[in-house]
PDB file of N, CA and C in Angstrom:
ATOM      1  N   MET A   1     121.569 -53.581 158.805  1.00  0.00           N
ATOM      2  CA  MET A   1     121.700 -53.843 157.323  1.00  0.00           C
ATOM      3  C   MET A   1     122.403 -52.481 156.684  1.00  0.00           C
ATOM      4  N   SER A   2     123.363 -52.046 155.812  1.00  0.00           N
ATOM      5  CA  SER A   2     123.142 -51.354 155.121  1.00  0.00           C
ATOM      6  C   SER A   2     122.513 -50.489 154.313  1.00  0.00           C
ATOM      7  N   ILE A   3     122.781 -49.330 153.895  1.00  0.00           N
ATOM      8  CA  ILE A   3     121.588 -48.359 152.788  1.00  0.00           C
ATOM      9  C   ILE A   3     121.428 -48.948 151.876  1.00  0.00           C
ATOM     10  N   SER A   4     123.314 -49.456 151.124  1.00  0.00           N
ATOM     11  CA  SER A   4     123.002 -49.991 149.805  1.00  0.00           C
ATOM     12  C   SER A   4     122.253 -51.211 149.945  1.00  0.00           C
ATOM     13  N   ALA A   5     122.345 -51.783 150.847  1.00  0.00           N
ATOM     14  CA  ALA A   5     121.666 -53.899 151.237  1.00  0.00           C
ATOM     15  C   ALA A   5     120.314 -53.278 151.009  1.00  0.00           C
ATOM     16  N   ASN A   6     119.582 -51.965 151.627  1.00  0.00           N
ATOM     17  CA  ASN A   6     118.160 -51.593 151.409  1.00  0.00           C
ATOM     18  C   ASN A   6     117.268 -51.452 150.161  1.00  0.00           C
ATOM     19  N   ILE A   7     118.564 -50.994 149.502  1.00  0.00           N
ATOM     20  CA  ILE A   7     118.248 -50.104 148.075  1.00  0.00           C
ATOM     21  C   ILE A   7     118.020 -51.739 147.174  1.00  0.00           C
ATOM     22  N   LYS A   8     119.119 -52.563 147.617  1.00  0.00           N
ATOM     23  CA  LYS A   8     118.907 -53.585 146.762  1.00  0.00           C
ATOM     24  C   LYS A   8     117.567 -54.516 146.864  1.00  0.00           C
ATOM     25  N   THR A   9     117.348 -54.446 148.087  1.00  0.00           N
ATOM     26  CA  THR A   9     115.882 -55.210 148.684  1.00  0.00           C
ATOM     27  C   THR A   9     114.719 -54.890 147.473  1.00  0.00           C
ATOM     28  N   ILE A  10     114.801 -53.232 148.158  1.00  0.00           N
ATOM     29  CA  ILE A  10     113.552 -52.446 147.471  1.00  0.00           C
ATOM     30  C   ILE A  10     113.607 -52.547 145.849  1.00  0.00           C
ATOM     31  N   ARG A  11     114.870 -52.649 145.157  1.00  0.00           N
ATOM     32  CA  ARG A  11     115.212 -53.119 143.716  1.00  0.00           C
ATOM     33  C   ARG A  11     114.706 -54.240 143.334  1.00  0.00           C
ATOM     34  N   ASP A  12     114.826 -55.189 144.063  1.00  0.00           N
ATOM     35  CA  ASP A  12     114.675 -56.098 143.771  1.00  0.00           C
ATOM     36  C   ASP A  12     113.064 -56.474 143.020  1.00  0.00           C
ATOM     37  N   GLN A  13     112.252 -55.931 144.668  1.00  0.00           N
ATOM     38  CA  GLN A  13     110.513 -55.653 144.045  1.00  0.00           C
ATOM     39  C   GLN A  13     110.487 -55.416 142.952  1.00  0.00           C
ATOM     40  N   PHE A  14     110.996 -54.930 142.178  1.00  0.00           N
ATOM     41  CA  PHE A  14     110.575 -53.974 140.662  1.00  0.00           C
ATOM     42  C   PHE A  14     111.304 -54.792 139.404  1.00  0.00           C
ATOM     43  N   PRO A  15     110.720 -55.542 138.715  1.00  0.00           N
ATOM     44  CA  PRO A  15     111.717 -56.103 138.110  1.00  0.00           C
ATOM     45  C   PRO A  15     111.799 -55.111 136.471  1.00  0.00           C
ATOM     46  N   SER A  16     111.595 -54.059 136.535  1.00  0.00           N
ATOM     47  CA  SER A  16     111.389 -53.159 135.640  1.00  0.00           C
ATOM     48  C   SER A  16     112.911 -52.091 136.020  1.00  0.00           C
ATOM     49  N   LEU A  17     113.223 -52.307 137.548  1.00  0.00           N
ATOM     50  CA  LEU A  17     114.697 -51.653 137.541  1.00  0.00           C
ATOM     51  C   LEU A  17     115.742 -52.479 137.423  1.00  0.00           C
ATOM     52  N   ASN A  18     115.874 -53.706 137.053  1.00  0.00           N
ATOM     53  CA  ASN A  18     116.677 -54.354 136.932  1.00  0.00           C
ATOM     54  C   ASN A  18     117.367 -54.253 135.785  1.00  0.00           C
ATOM     55  N   ARG A  19     117.189 -52.918 135.034  1.00  0.00           N
ATOM     56  CA  ARG A  19     118.175 -52.493 133.543  1.00  0.00           C
ATOM     57  C   ARG A  19     118.589 -51.011 133.978  1.00  0.00           C
ATOM     58  N   ASN A  20     119.165 -50.917 133.151  1.00  0.00           N
ATOM     59  CA  ASN A  20     120.227 -49.777 133.272  1.00  0.00           C
ATOM     60  C   ASN A  20     119.539 -48.341 132.767  1.00  0.00           C
ATOM     61  N   ALA A  21     117.848 -47.838 133.438  1.00  0.00           N
ATOM     62  CA  ALA A  21     117.256 -46.904 132.571  1.00  0.00           C
ATOM     63  C   ALA A  21     116.932 -45.773 133.451  1.00  0.00           C
ATOM     64  N   ILE A  22     116.484 -45.132 133.472  1.00  0.00           N
ATOM     65  CA  ILE A  22     115.882 -44.313 134.552  1.00  0.00           C
ATOM     66  C   ILE A  22     114.686 -43.936 134.224  1.00  0.00           C
ATOM     67  N   PHE A  23     113.723 -43.919 135.287  1.00  0.00           N
ATOM     68  CA  PHE A  23     112.267 -43.415 134.652  1.00  0.00           C
ATOM     69  C   PHE A  23     111.800 -42.211 135.591  1.00  0.00           C
ATOM     70  N   PHE A  24     111.581 -41.306 134.567  1.00  0.00           N
ATOM     71  CA  PHE A  24     111.410 -39.488 135.150  1.00  0.00           C
ATOM     72  C   PHE A  24     110.132 -39.190 134.850  1.00  0.00           C
ATOM     73  N   ASP A  25     109.474 -40.447 134.262  1.00  0.00           N
ATOM     74  CA  ASP A  25     108.074 -39.438 133.812  1.00  0.00           C
ATOM     75  C   ASP A  25     106.727 -40.620 134.485  1.00  0.00           C
ATOM     76  N   ASN A  26     107.270 -40.678 135.991  1.00  0.00           N
ATOM     77  CA  ASN A  26     106.263 -41.226 136.939  1.00  0.00           C
ATOM     78  C   ASN A  26     104.518 -41.333 136.743  1.00  0.00           C
ATOM     79  N   PRO A  27     104.183 -40.149 136.357  1.00  0.00           N
ATOM     80  CA  PRO A  27     102.965 -40.069 136.548  1.00  0.00           C
ATOM     81  C   PRO A  27     102.535 -41.083 135.049  1.00  0.00           C
ATOM     82  N   GLY A  28     103.329 -41.276 134.186  1.00  0.00           N
ATOM     83  CA  GLY A  28     103.420 -41.360 132.710  1.00  0.00           C
ATOM     84  C   GLY A  28     103.277 -43.431 132.785  1.00  0.00           C
ATOM     85  N   GLY A  29     104.214 -43.691 133.814  1.00  0.00           N
ATOM     86  CA  GLY A  29     104.389 -45.178 133.825  1.00  0.00           C
ATOM     87  C   GLY A  29     105.267 -45.708 135.341  1.00  0.00           C
ATOM     88  N   THR A  30     104.174 -45.715 136.243  1.00  0.00           N
ATOM     89  CA  THR A  30     104.441 -45.811 138.134  1.00  0.00           C
ATOM     90  C   THR A  30     105.157 -47.740 137.457  1.00  0.00           C
ATOM     91  N   GLN A  31     106.129 -47.592 138.226  1.00  0.00           N
ATOM     92  CA  GLN A  31     106.351 -48.602 138.029  1.00  0.00           C
ATOM     93  C   GLN A  31     105.803 -49.582 139.324  1.00  0.00           C
ATOM     94  N   ILE A  32     106.234 -50.886 138.549  1.00  0.00           N
ATOM     95  CA  ILE A  32     104.816 -52.150 139.424  1.00  0.00           C
ATOM     96  C   ILE A  32     105.919 -52.887 140.585  1.00  0.00           C
ATOM     97  N   ALA A  33     105.479 -52.820 141.917  1.00  0.00           N
ATOM     98  CA  ALA A  33     106.192 -53.908 142.648  1.00  0.00           C
ATOM     99  C   ALA A  33     105.618 -55.801 142.176  1.00  0.00           C
ATOM    100  N   LYS A  34     106.147 -56.366 142.099  1.00  0.00           N
ATOM    101  CA  LYS A  34     106.404 -58.033 142.117  1.00  0.00           C
ATOM    102  C   LYS A  34     105.580 -58.391 142.771  1.00  0.00           C
ATOM    103  N   PRO A  35     105.068 -58.588 143.928  1.00  0.00           N
ATOM    104  CA  PRO A  35     103.764 -58.609 144.425  1.00  0.00           C
ATOM    105  C   PRO A  35     102.853 -58.318 143.776  1.00  0.00           C
ATOM    106  N   SER A  36     102.742 -56.900 143.386  1.00  0.00           N
ATOM    107  CA  SER A  36     101.495 -56.522 142.691  1.00  0.00           C
ATOM    108  C   SER A  36     101.294 -56.904 141.331  1.00  0.00           C
ATOM    109  N   LEU A  37     102.126 -57.240 140.544  1.00  0.00           N
ATOM    110  CA  LEU A  37     102.255 -57.833 139.570  1.00  0.00           C
ATOM    111  C   LEU A  37     101.889 -59.573 139.447  1.00  0.00           C
ATOM    112  N   ASP A  38     102.097 -60.185 140.374  1.00  0.00           N
ATOM    113  CA  ASP A  38     101.753 -61.299 140.919  1.00  0.00           C
ATOM    114  C   ASP A  38     100.028 -61.473 141.097  1.00  0.00           C
ATOM    115  N   ARG A  39     100.236 -60.269 141.926  1.00  0.00           N
ATOM    116  CA  ARG A  39      97.987 -60.510 142.297  1.00  0.00           C
ATOM    117  C   ARG A  39      97.555 -59.982 140.947  1.00  0.00           C
ATOM    118  N   ILE A  40      97.780 -58.936 140.312  1.00  0.00           N
ATOM    119  CA  ILE A  40      96.832 -58.611 139.304  1.00  0.00           C
ATOM    120  C   ILE A  40      96.983 -59.876 138.277  1.00  0.00           C
ATOM    121  N   THR A  41      98.066 -60.022 137.627  1.00  0.00           N
ATOM    122  CA  THR A  41      98.038 -61.593 137.050  1.00  0.00           C
ATOM    123  C   THR A  41      97.012 -62.893 137.156  1.00  0.00           C
ATOM    124  N   LYS A  42      97.238 -62.461 138.847  1.00  0.00           N
ATOM    125  CA  LYS A  42      96.152 -64.186 139.127  1.00  0.00           C
ATOM    126  C   LYS A  42      95.023 -63.780 139.179  1.00  0.00           C
ATOM    127  N   TYR A  43      94.637 -62.012 139.492  1.00  0.00           N
ATOM    128  CA  TYR A  43      93.286 -61.805 138.777  1.00  0.00           C
ATOM    129  C   TYR A  43      92.624 -62.017 137.454  1.00  0.00           C
ATOM    130  N   LEU A  44      93.741 -61.260 136.907  1.00  0.00           N
ATOM    131  CA  LEU A  44      93.407 -61.918 135.434  1.00  0.00           C
ATOM    132  C   LEU A  44      93.033 -63.250 134.644  1.00  0.00           C
ATOM    133  N   ILE A  45      93.738 -63.955 135.308  1.00  0.00           N
ATOM    134  CA  ILE A  45      93.595 -65.475 134.753  1.00  0.00           C
ATOM    135  C   ILE A  45      92.590 -66.383 135.171  1.00  0.00           C
ATOM    136  N   GLU A  46      92.234 -65.747 136.418  1.00  0.00           N
ATOM    137  CA  GLU A  46      91.043 -66.670 137.791  1.00  0.00           C
ATOM    138  C   GLU A  46      90.195 -66.288 137.663  1.00  0.00           C
ATOM    139  N   ASN A  47      89.791 -64.507 137.891  1.00  0.00           N
ATOM    140  CA  ASN A  47      88.869 -63.602 138.405  1.00  0.00           C
ATOM    141  C   ASN A  47      88.510 -62.324 137.086  1.00  0.00           C
ATOM    142  N   ASN A  48      88.915 -62.618 136.038  1.00  0.00           N
ATOM    143  CA  ASN A  48      88.722 -61.369 134.894  1.00  0.00           C
ATOM    144  C   ASN A  48      87.514 -61.527 134.625  1.00  0.00           C
ATOM    145  N   ALA A  49      86.714 -60.796 134.988  1.00  0.00           N
ATOM    146  CA  ALA A  49      84.616 -60.784 134.599  1.00  0.00           C
ATOM    147  C   ALA A  49      84.238 -59.526 134.476  1.00  0.00           C
ATOM    148  N   ASN A  50      83.461 -59.451 134.441  1.00  0.00           N
ATOM    149  CA  ASN A  50      82.301 -58.179 134.221  1.00  0.00           C
ATOM    150  C   ASN A  50      81.786 -58.131 135.380  1.00  0.00           C
ATOM    151  N   HIS A  51      81.398 -56.707 136.316  1.00  0.00           N
ATOM    152  CA  HIS A  51      81.076 -56.581 137.373  1.00  0.00           C
ATOM    153  C   HIS A  51      79.823 -56.509 137.688  1.00  0.00           C
ATOM    154  N   GLU A  52      79.414 -56.989 138.811  1.00  0.00           N
ATOM    155  CA  GLU A  52      78.179 -56.672 139.046  1.00  0.00           C
ATOM    156  C   GLU A  52      77.084 -58.057 137.921  1.00  0.00           C
ATOM    157  N   GLY A  53      77.777 -58.768 137.522  1.00  0.00           N
ATOM    158  CA  GLY A  53      77.124 -59.684 136.961  1.00  0.00           C
ATOM    159  C   GLY A  53      76.411 -61.108 137.665  1.00  0.00           C
ATOM    160  N   ALA A  54      75.787 -61.739 136.862  1.00  0.00           N
ATOM    161  CA  ALA A  54      74.973 -63.118 137.602  1.00  0.00           C
ATOM    162  C   ALA A  54      75.919 -64.149 138.079  1.00  0.00           C
ATOM    163  N   PHE A  55      77.023 -64.265 137.008  1.00  0.00           N
ATOM    164  CA  PHE A  55      77.585 -65.362 137.105  1.00  0.00           C
ATOM    165  C   PHE A  55      78.610 -65.415 138.348  1.00  0.00           C
ATOM    166  N   ALA A  56      79.306 -66.791 138.056  1.00  0.00           N
ATOM    167  CA  ALA A  56      80.204 -66.784 139.532  1.00  0.00           C
ATOM    168  C   ALA A  56      81.501 -66.129 139.604  1.00  0.00           C
ATOM    169  N   THR A  57      81.842 -66.126 138.621  1.00  0.00           N
ATOM    170  CA  THR A  57      83.085 -65.315 137.887  1.00  0.00           C
ATOM    171  C   THR A  57      82.977 -63.681 138.219  1.00  0.00           C
ATOM    172  N   SER A  58      81.687 -63.135 137.910  1.00  0.00           N
ATOM    173  CA  SER A  58      81.174 -61.965 138.262  1.00  0.00           C
ATOM    174  C   SER A  58      81.451 -61.506 139.724  1.00  0.00           C
ATOM    175  N   LYS A  59      80.760 -62.215 140.592  1.00  0.00           N
ATOM    176  CA  LYS A  59      80.395 -62.640 141.674  1.00  0.00           C
ATOM    177  C   LYS A  59      82.160 -62.774 142.688  1.00  0.00           C
ATOM    178  N   ALA A  60      82.562 -63.471 142.080  1.00  0.00           N
ATOM    179  CA  ALA A  60      84.129 -63.533 142.517  1.00  0.00           C
ATOM    180  C   ALA A  60      84.684 -62.352 142.516  1.00  0.00           C
ATOM    181  N   SER A  61      84.672 -61.785 141.171  1.00  0.00           N
ATOM    182  CA  SER A  61      85.479 -60.269 140.705  1.00  0.00           C
ATOM    183  C   SER A  61      85.108 -59.264 141.681  1.00  0.00           C
ATOM    184  N   ASP A  62      83.890 -59.426 141.976  1.00  0.00           N
ATOM    185  CA  ASP A  62      83.292 -58.355 142.994  1.00  0.00           C
ATOM    186  C   ASP A  62      83.703 -58.131 144.179  1.00  0.00           C
ATOM    187  N   ALA A  63      83.752 -59.825 144.784  1.00  0.00           N
ATOM    188  CA  ALA A  63      84.331 -60.244 146.177  1.00  0.00           C
ATOM    189  C   ALA A  63      85.632 -59.138 146.342  1.00  0.00           C
ATOM    190  N   ILE A  64      86.602 -59.319 145.560  1.00  0.00           N
ATOM    191  CA  ILE A  64      87.932 -59.056 145.262  1.00  0.00           C
ATOM    192  C   ILE A  64      87.962 -57.287 145.368  1.00  0.00           C
ATOM    193  N   LEU A  65      86.585 -56.538 144.505  1.00  0.00           N
ATOM    194  CA  LEU A  65      87.217 -55.331 144.262  1.00  0.00           C
ATOM    195  C   LEU A  65      86.371 -54.731 145.934  1.00  0.00           C
ATOM    196  N   ASP A  66      85.665 -55.441 146.345  1.00  0.00           N
ATOM    197  CA  ASP A  66      85.129 -54.919 147.389  1.00  0.00           C
ATOM    198  C   ASP A  66      85.916 -54.695 148.715  1.00  0.00           C
ATOM    199  N   GLU A  67      86.751 -56.404 148.850  1.00  0.00           N
ATOM    200  CA  GLU A  67      87.770 -56.159 149.883  1.00  0.00           C
ATOM    201  C   GLU A  67      88.649 -55.135 149.398  1.00  0.00           C
ATOM    202  N   ALA A  68      89.207 -54.763 148.290  1.00  0.00           N
ATOM    203  CA  ALA A  68      90.316 -53.904 147.805  1.00  0.00           C
ATOM    204  C   ALA A  68      89.754 -52.434 148.549  1.00  0.00           C
ATOM    205  N   HIS A  69      88.393 -51.822 148.394  1.00  0.00           N
ATOM    206  CA  HIS A  69      87.715 -51.201 149.047  1.00  0.00           C
ATOM    207  C   HIS A  69      88.407 -50.605 150.596  1.00  0.00           C
ATOM    208  N   ARG A  70      87.679 -52.026 151.011  1.00  0.00           N
ATOM    209  CA  ARG A  70      87.725 -52.033 152.209  1.00  0.00           C
ATOM    210  C   ARG A  70      89.296 -51.865 152.698  1.00  0.00           C
ATOM    211  N   ALA A  71      89.720 -52.649 151.973  1.00  0.00           N
ATOM    212  CA  ALA A  71      91.490 -52.068 152.484  1.00  0.00           C
ATOM    213  C   ALA A  71      91.724 -50.821 152.349  1.00  0.00           C
ATOM    214  N   MET A  72      91.598 -49.871 151.227  1.00  0.00           N
ATOM    215  CA  MET A  72      92.073 -49.162 151.226  1.00  0.00           C
ATOM    216  C   MET A  72      91.073 -47.733 152.244  1.00  0.00           C
ATOM    217  N   ALA A  73      89.874 -47.933 152.206  1.00  0.00           N
ATOM    218  CA  ALA A  73      89.537 -47.231 153.503  1.00  0.00           C
ATOM    219  C   ALA A  73      89.921 -47.578 154.944  1.00  0.00           C
ATOM    220  N   ASP A  74      90.410 -48.634 155.102  1.00  0.00           N
ATOM    221  CA  ASP A  74      91.243 -49.393 156.560  1.00  0.00           C
ATOM    222  C   ASP A  74      92.373 -48.177 156.430  1.00  0.00           C
ATOM    223  N   PHE A  75      92.892 -48.388 155.324  1.00  0.00           N
ATOM    224  CA  PHE A  75      94.714 -47.278 154.873  1.00  0.00           C
ATOM    225  C   PHE A  75      94.319 -46.055 155.178  1.00  0.00           C
ATOM    226  N   TYR A  76      93.327 -45.599 154.470  1.00  0.00           N
ATOM    227  CA  TYR A  76      93.190 -43.952 154.754  1.00  0.00           C
ATOM    228  C   TYR A  76      92.560 -43.525 156.017  1.00  0.00           C
ATOM    229  N   ASN A  77      91.913 -44.353 156.634  1.00  0.00           N
ATOM    230  CA  ASN A  77      91.042 -44.105 158.043  1.00  0.00           C
ATOM    231  C   ASN A  77      89.831 -43.896 157.298  1.00  0.00           C
ATOM    232  N   ALA A  78      89.572 -44.168 156.437  1.00  0.00           N
ATOM    233  CA  ALA A  78      87.964 -43.327 155.906  1.00  0.00           C
ATOM    234  C   ALA A  78      86.655 -43.936 156.208  1.00  0.00           C
ATOM    235  N   PRO A  79      85.422 -42.975 156.747  1.00  0.00           N
ATOM    236  CA  PRO A  79      84.500 -43.579 157.481  1.00  0.00           C
ATOM    237  C   PRO A  79      84.009 -44.763 156.850  1.00  0.00           C
ATOM    238  N   SER A  80      83.993 -44.695 155.410  1.00  0.00           N
ATOM    239  CA  SER A  80      83.536 -46.021 154.612  1.00  0.00           C
ATOM    240  C   SER A  80      84.228 -45.964 153.307  1.00  0.00           C
ATOM    241  N   ASP A  81      83.811 -47.399 152.976  1.00  0.00           N
ATOM    242  CA  ASP A  81      84.756 -48.543 152.049  1.00  0.00           C
ATOM    243  C   ASP A  81      84.147 -47.321 150.731  1.00  0.00           C
ATOM    244  N   GLU A  82      82.726 -47.286 150.645  1.00  0.00           N
ATOM    245  CA  GLU A  82      82.030 -46.135 149.591  1.00  0.00           C
ATOM    246  C   GLU A  82      82.536 -45.138 149.550  1.00  0.00           C
ATOM    247  N   GLU A  83      83.397 -44.437 150.497  1.00  0.00           N
ATOM    248  CA  GLU A  83      84.132 -43.223 150.138  1.00  0.00           C
ATOM    249  C   GLU A  83      85.442 -43.277 149.378  1.00  0.00           C
ATOM    250  N   ILE A  84      85.816 -44.899 148.786  1.00  0.00           N
ATOM    251  CA  ILE A  84      87.323 -45.245 148.208  1.00  0.00           C
ATOM    252  C   ILE A  84      86.785 -45.205 146.396  1.00  0.00           C
ATOM    253  N   VAL A  85      87.102 -44.788 145.430  1.00  0.00           N
ATOM    254  CA  VAL A  85      86.945 -44.511 144.052  1.00  0.00           C
ATOM    255  C   VAL A  85      88.176 -45.209 143.721  1.00  0.00           C
ATOM    256  N   PHE A  86      87.972 -45.954 142.430  1.00  0.00           N
ATOM    257  CA  PHE A  86      89.660 -46.566 141.740  1.00  0.00           C
ATOM    258  C   PHE A  86      88.988 -46.703 140.623  1.00  0.00           C
ATOM    259  N   GLY A  87      90.526 -45.754 139.441  1.00  0.00           N
ATOM    260  CA  GLY A  87      90.055 -45.438 138.518  1.00  0.00           C
ATOM    261  C   GLY A  87      90.782 -45.818 137.027  1.00  0.00           C
ATOM    262  N   ASN A  88      90.659 -45.741 136.465  1.00  0.00           N
ATOM    263  CA  ASN A  88      92.167 -45.887 135.057  1.00  0.00           C
ATOM    264  C   ASN A  88      93.376 -45.255 135.916  1.00  0.00           C
ATOM    265  N   ASN A  89      92.815 -44.083 136.027  1.00  0.00           N
ATOM    266  CA  ASN A  89      94.307 -43.222 136.502  1.00  0.00           C
ATOM    267  C   ASN A  89      93.946 -41.453 137.098  1.00  0.00           C
ATOM    268  N   MET A  90      95.073 -40.672 136.941  1.00  0.00           N
ATOM    269  CA  MET A  90      94.621 -39.573 137.881  1.00  0.00           C
ATOM    270  C   MET A  90      94.181 -38.877 136.975  1.00  0.00           C
ATOM    271  N   THR A  91      94.701 -38.832 135.457  1.00  0.00           N
ATOM    272  CA  THR A  91      93.840 -37.659 134.938  1.00  0.00           C
ATOM    273  C   THR A  91      92.640 -38.247 134.150  1.00  0.00           C
ATOM    274  N   THR A  92      92.077 -39.025 134.204  1.00  0.00           N
ATOM    275  CA  THR A  92      90.657 -39.821 134.129  1.00  0.00           C
ATOM    276  C   THR A  92      89.987 -39.369 135.435  1.00  0.00           C
ATOM    277  N   LEU A  93      90.333 -39.753 136.657  1.00  0.00           N
ATOM    278  CA  LEU A  93      89.757 -39.112 137.886  1.00  0.00           C
ATOM    279  C   LEU A  93      89.610 -37.900 138.351  1.00  0.00           C
ATOM    280  N   THR A  94      90.662 -37.106 138.060  1.00  0.00           N
ATOM    281  CA  THR A  94      90.292 -35.803 138.379  1.00  0.00           C
ATOM    282  C   THR A  94      89.121 -35.368 136.921  1.00  0.00           C
ATOM    283  N   LEU A  95      89.500 -35.554 135.911  1.00  0.00           N
ATOM    284  CA  LEU A  95      88.692 -35.280 135.268  1.00  0.00           C
ATOM    285  C   LEU A  95      86.904 -35.015 135.674  1.00  0.00           C
ATOM    286  N   HIS A  96      86.822 -36.590 135.823  1.00  0.00           N
ATOM    287  CA  HIS A  96      85.524 -37.149 136.499  1.00  0.00           C
ATOM    288  C   HIS A  96      85.331 -36.287 137.768  1.00  0.00           C
ATOM    289  N   LEU A  97      86.204 -35.977 137.717  1.00  0.00           N
ATOM    290  CA  LEU A  97      86.082 -35.097 139.561  1.00  0.00           C
ATOM    291  C   LEU A  97      85.077 -33.410 139.008  1.00  0.00           C
ATOM    292  N   SER A  98      86.110 -33.104 138.140  1.00  0.00           N
ATOM    293  CA  SER A  98      85.791 -31.687 137.771  1.00  0.00           C
ATOM    294  C   SER A  98      84.723 -31.471 137.537  1.00  0.00           C
ATOM    295  N   ARG A  99      84.307 -32.083 136.351  1.00  0.00           N
ATOM    296  CA  ARG A  99      82.521 -32.321 135.968  1.00  0.00           C
ATOM    297  C   ARG A  99      81.406 -32.328 136.596  1.00  0.00           C
ATOM    298  N   SER A 100      82.135 -33.444 137.834  1.00  0.00           N
ATOM    299  CA  SER A 100      81.157 -33.859 138.843  1.00  0.00           C
ATOM    300  C   SER A 100      81.019 -32.420 139.847  1.00  0.00           C
ATOM    301  N   LEU A 101      81.805 -31.703 140.049  1.00  0.00           N
ATOM    302  CA  LEU A 101      81.563 -30.878 140.977  1.00  0.00           C
ATOM    303  C   LEU A 101      81.233 -29.470 140.212  1.00  0.00           C
ATOM    304  N   SER A 102      81.516 -29.288 138.753  1.00  0.00           N
ATOM    305  CA  SER A 102      81.263 -28.134 138.431  1.00  0.00           C
ATOM    306  C   SER A 102      79.733 -27.902 138.304  1.00  0.00           C
ATOM    307  N   ARG A 103      79.186 -29.031 138.378  1.00  0.00           N
ATOM    308  CA  ARG A 103      77.342 -29.223 138.181  1.00  0.00           C
ATOM    309  C   ARG A 103      76.998 -28.336 139.273  1.00  0.00           C
ATOM    310  N   GLU A 104      77.558 -27.965 140.827  1.00  0.00           N
ATOM    311  CA  GLU A 104      77.208 -27.129 142.045  1.00  0.00           C
ATOM    312  C   GLU A 104      77.897 -25.801 141.871  1.00  0.00           C
ATOM    313  N   TRP A 105      78.729 -25.420 140.573  1.00  0.00           N
ATOM    314  CA  TRP A 105      79.631 -24.064 140.772  1.00  0.00           C
ATOM    315  C   TRP A 105      78.542 -22.921 140.578  1.00  0.00           C
ATOM    316  N   MET A 106      78.600 -21.619 141.190  1.00  0.00           N
ATOM    317  CA  MET A 106      78.042 -20.503 140.844  1.00  0.00           C
ATOM    318  C   MET A 106      78.982 -19.720 139.988  1.00  0.00           C
ATOM    319  N   GLU A 107      78.641 -18.816 139.312  1.00  0.00           N
ATOM    320  CA  GLU A 107      79.096 -17.435 139.010  1.00  0.00           C
ATOM    321  C   GLU A 107      80.285 -16.930 140.060  1.00  0.00           C
ATOM    322  N   GLY A 108      81.322 -16.914 139.613  1.00  0.00           N
ATOM    323  CA  GLY A 108      82.561 -16.206 140.618  1.00  0.00           C
ATOM    324  C   GLY A 108      83.014 -17.383 141.152  1.00  0.00           C
ATOM    325  N   ASP A 109      82.870 -18.502 141.178  1.00  0.00           N
ATOM    326  CA  ASP A 109      83.203 -19.432 142.115  1.00  0.00           C
ATOM    327  C   ASP A 109      84.684 -19.693 141.619  1.00  0.00           C
ATOM    328  N   GLU A 110      85.777 -19.894 142.301  1.00  0.00           N
ATOM    329  CA  GLU A 110      87.149 -20.295 141.565  1.00  0.00           C
ATOM    330  C   GLU A 110      87.889 -21.595 141.905  1.00  0.00           C
ATOM    331  N   ILE A 111      88.634 -22.096 141.248  1.00  0.00           N
ATOM    332  CA  ILE A 111      89.601 -23.297 141.828  1.00  0.00           C
ATOM    333  C   ILE A 111      91.151 -22.549 141.655  1.00  0.00           C
ATOM    334  N   VAL A 112      91.824 -22.283 142.858  1.00  0.00           N
ATOM    335  CA  VAL A 112      93.071 -22.092 142.944  1.00  0.00           C
ATOM    336  C   VAL A 112      93.994 -22.940 142.592  1.00  0.00           C
ATOM    337  N   LEU A 113      94.938 -22.953 141.323  1.00  0.00           N
ATOM    338  CA  LEU A 113      95.921 -23.840 141.119  1.00  0.00           C
ATOM    339  C   LEU A 113      97.641 -22.991 140.731  1.00  0.00           C
ATOM    340  N   THR A 114      98.126 -24.092 140.643  1.00  0.00           N
ATOM    341  CA  THR A 114      99.565 -23.254 139.870  1.00  0.00           C
ATOM    342  C   THR A 114      99.892 -24.046 138.684  1.00  0.00           C
ATOM    343  N   ARG A 115     101.070 -23.362 138.385  1.00  0.00           N
ATOM    344  CA  ARG A 115     101.728 -24.236 137.047  1.00  0.00           C
ATOM    345  C   ARG A 115     102.782 -25.200 137.759  1.00  0.00           C
ATOM    346  N   LEU A 116     102.680 -25.521 139.043  1.00  0.00           N
ATOM    347  CA  LEU A 116     103.727 -26.397 139.569  1.00  0.00           C
ATOM    348  C   LEU A 116     102.953 -27.774 139.133  1.00  0.00           C
ATOM    349  N   ASP A 117     101.645 -27.542 139.345  1.00  0.00           N
ATOM    350  CA  ASP A 117     100.387 -28.738 139.504  1.00  0.00           C
ATOM    351  C   ASP A 117     101.043 -29.238 137.915  1.00  0.00           C
ATOM    352  N   HIS A 118     100.800 -31.030 138.300  1.00  0.00           N
ATOM    353  CA  HIS A 118     100.808 -31.080 137.128  1.00  0.00           C
ATOM    354  C   HIS A 118      99.860 -31.088 136.018  1.00  0.00           C
ATOM    355  N   ASP A 119      99.976 -30.981 135.013  1.00  0.00           N
ATOM    356  CA  ASP A 119      98.743 -30.291 133.915  1.00  0.00           C
ATOM    357  C   ASP A 119      97.647 -31.233 134.009  1.00  0.00           C
ATOM    358  N   ALA A 120      97.836 -33.068 134.604  1.00  0.00           N
ATOM    359  CA  ALA A 120      96.338 -33.794 134.602  1.00  0.00           C
ATOM    360  C   ALA A 120      95.866 -32.800 135.538  1.00  0.00           C
ATOM    361  N   ASN A 121      96.248 -32.227 136.250  1.00  0.00           N
ATOM    362  CA  ASN A 121      95.212 -31.225 137.507  1.00  0.00           C
ATOM    363  C   ASN A 121      95.185 -30.271 137.006  1.00  0.00           C
ATOM    364  N   VAL A 122      95.662 -29.099 135.857  1.00  0.00           N
ATOM    365  CA  VAL A 122      95.181 -28.280 135.636  1.00  0.00           C
ATOM    366  C   VAL A 122      93.716 -28.030 134.582  1.00  0.00           C
ATOM    367  N   THR A 123      94.354 -28.646 133.544  1.00  0.00           N
ATOM    368  CA  THR A 123      93.845 -29.037 132.409  1.00  0.00           C
ATOM    369  C   THR A 123      92.121 -29.502 132.598  1.00  0.00           C
ATOM    370  N   PRO A 124      91.585 -30.298 133.237  1.00  0.00           N
ATOM    371  CA  PRO A 124      90.261 -30.196 133.967  1.00  0.00           C
ATOM    372  C   PRO A 124      89.488 -29.152 134.395  1.00  0.00           C
ATOM    373  N   TRP A 125      90.054 -28.423 135.031  1.00  0.00           N
ATOM    374  CA  TRP A 125      89.812 -27.427 135.647  1.00  0.00           C
ATOM    375  C   TRP A 125      89.094 -25.907 134.678  1.00  0.00           C
ATOM    376  N   CYS A 126      89.939 -26.107 133.545  1.00  0.00           N
ATOM    377  CA  CYS A 126      89.998 -24.973 132.496  1.00  0.00           C
ATOM    378  C   CYS A 126      88.838 -24.854 131.903  1.00  0.00           C
TER     379      CYS A 126
END
């Protein structure tokens, strides 16, 4: 298979790439593969419910989330699925992480960053 055929196969998995546009702001709008879109749509139609509820829909939603934690723990070889955290986005997760860690800091503790870091990884530590 040629490189151009491989690129076409990959591009075909991303509906947003089927137009004449270039997406440079990846953190602000990562393109989503069709199988992921299909799964998200299925979840929203069939299982969208509050977590930890007493209802069947809540229990089904919790089971899906639990399976996602197990899958990511396996993917990253994490010792436990309890070490896996999902959140709205990298910016929000980094902000929460910085606030949580800062409770343990002592005067003189430092976080080393560079201006090469995305601002979402700089601002929470300031």
